[in-house]
Amino acid sequence: MDKQLAMKALNRAKTSSPKRNFNQSVDMIITLKDLDLKKPDNQVDFFTQLHFSRGKEVKICGLVGPELKENSTKELDFTINADQFVDYAKDKKAIKKIAEEFDFFIAQGNLMGKVAQTFGRVFGPRNKMPNPKSGAVVTPNANLAQVRDRLKMTVRVTAKTSLQYQTLVGKSDMKDEEVVDNIMTIYDQLIHHLPGEKNNIKSIFLKTTMGPAIKVGSDKNEVAEK
């Protein structure tokens, strides 16, 4: 896939979409092929950083000790101190609520055992556990403003149980060049994580919230494969 094909599909996705009184999202749907996901080596799970925002508010919560309490309270959307973990351990509903509310959780590295014990059963299945691969597991003297800014531009790409991956790549009111840059960044990183690179890509679709799926490289409106 090249930028011209992505730009053409994006334009068609936007012009084919019914007008609405809200700013529609633009999603990319990628279907893979010739991959046995039962084999761990074929599974995809990585983080990549975009050059442009996807137009979505990214909310971040800190799970920290006294060393980062002040910094976390200042720089992040919400903070849970280590001495509050015991209260959350008794309230699974509260853990589910914050898992739904926040996109990323930053944890102080020396607390990861307690974080896993307290939040792991809820965060794990939702892919919300602080992950060192994304830079969300930090030292007690970390600059949380820098971590926050990086995570706001971070996307997790996963294909572990399904050959289809879908993600937000922008909003309808963004510059087309920025949305296409996000599309190409994700695509370029994905093919480098596939054993057959682009040969493992079956199809790529773009669609707005209310519009039809537009296949990249095709002049017809098609339905994305399940």
Foldseek 3Di string as FASTA:
>chain_A
DDLVLVLVQVVCQLVQFDDDPDWWFKKKKFFFDPADLVDVLQWDKAKDFAPDFQADDAAEEEEEEPLCVVLRVVQHPYYDYPVCLVVLQVPVVVLLVVLVVHDEYAYAQVCLVSCCVRNVVRCVVVVHRQDVRLVRHHHSNDNVNVSVVRVSRMDIFTDNPHRMTMDTQHIPPDDSVRSSRSVVRVLVVVLVSGPNRPNRTDWMWMHIPRGATGTRPDPDGDHDDD
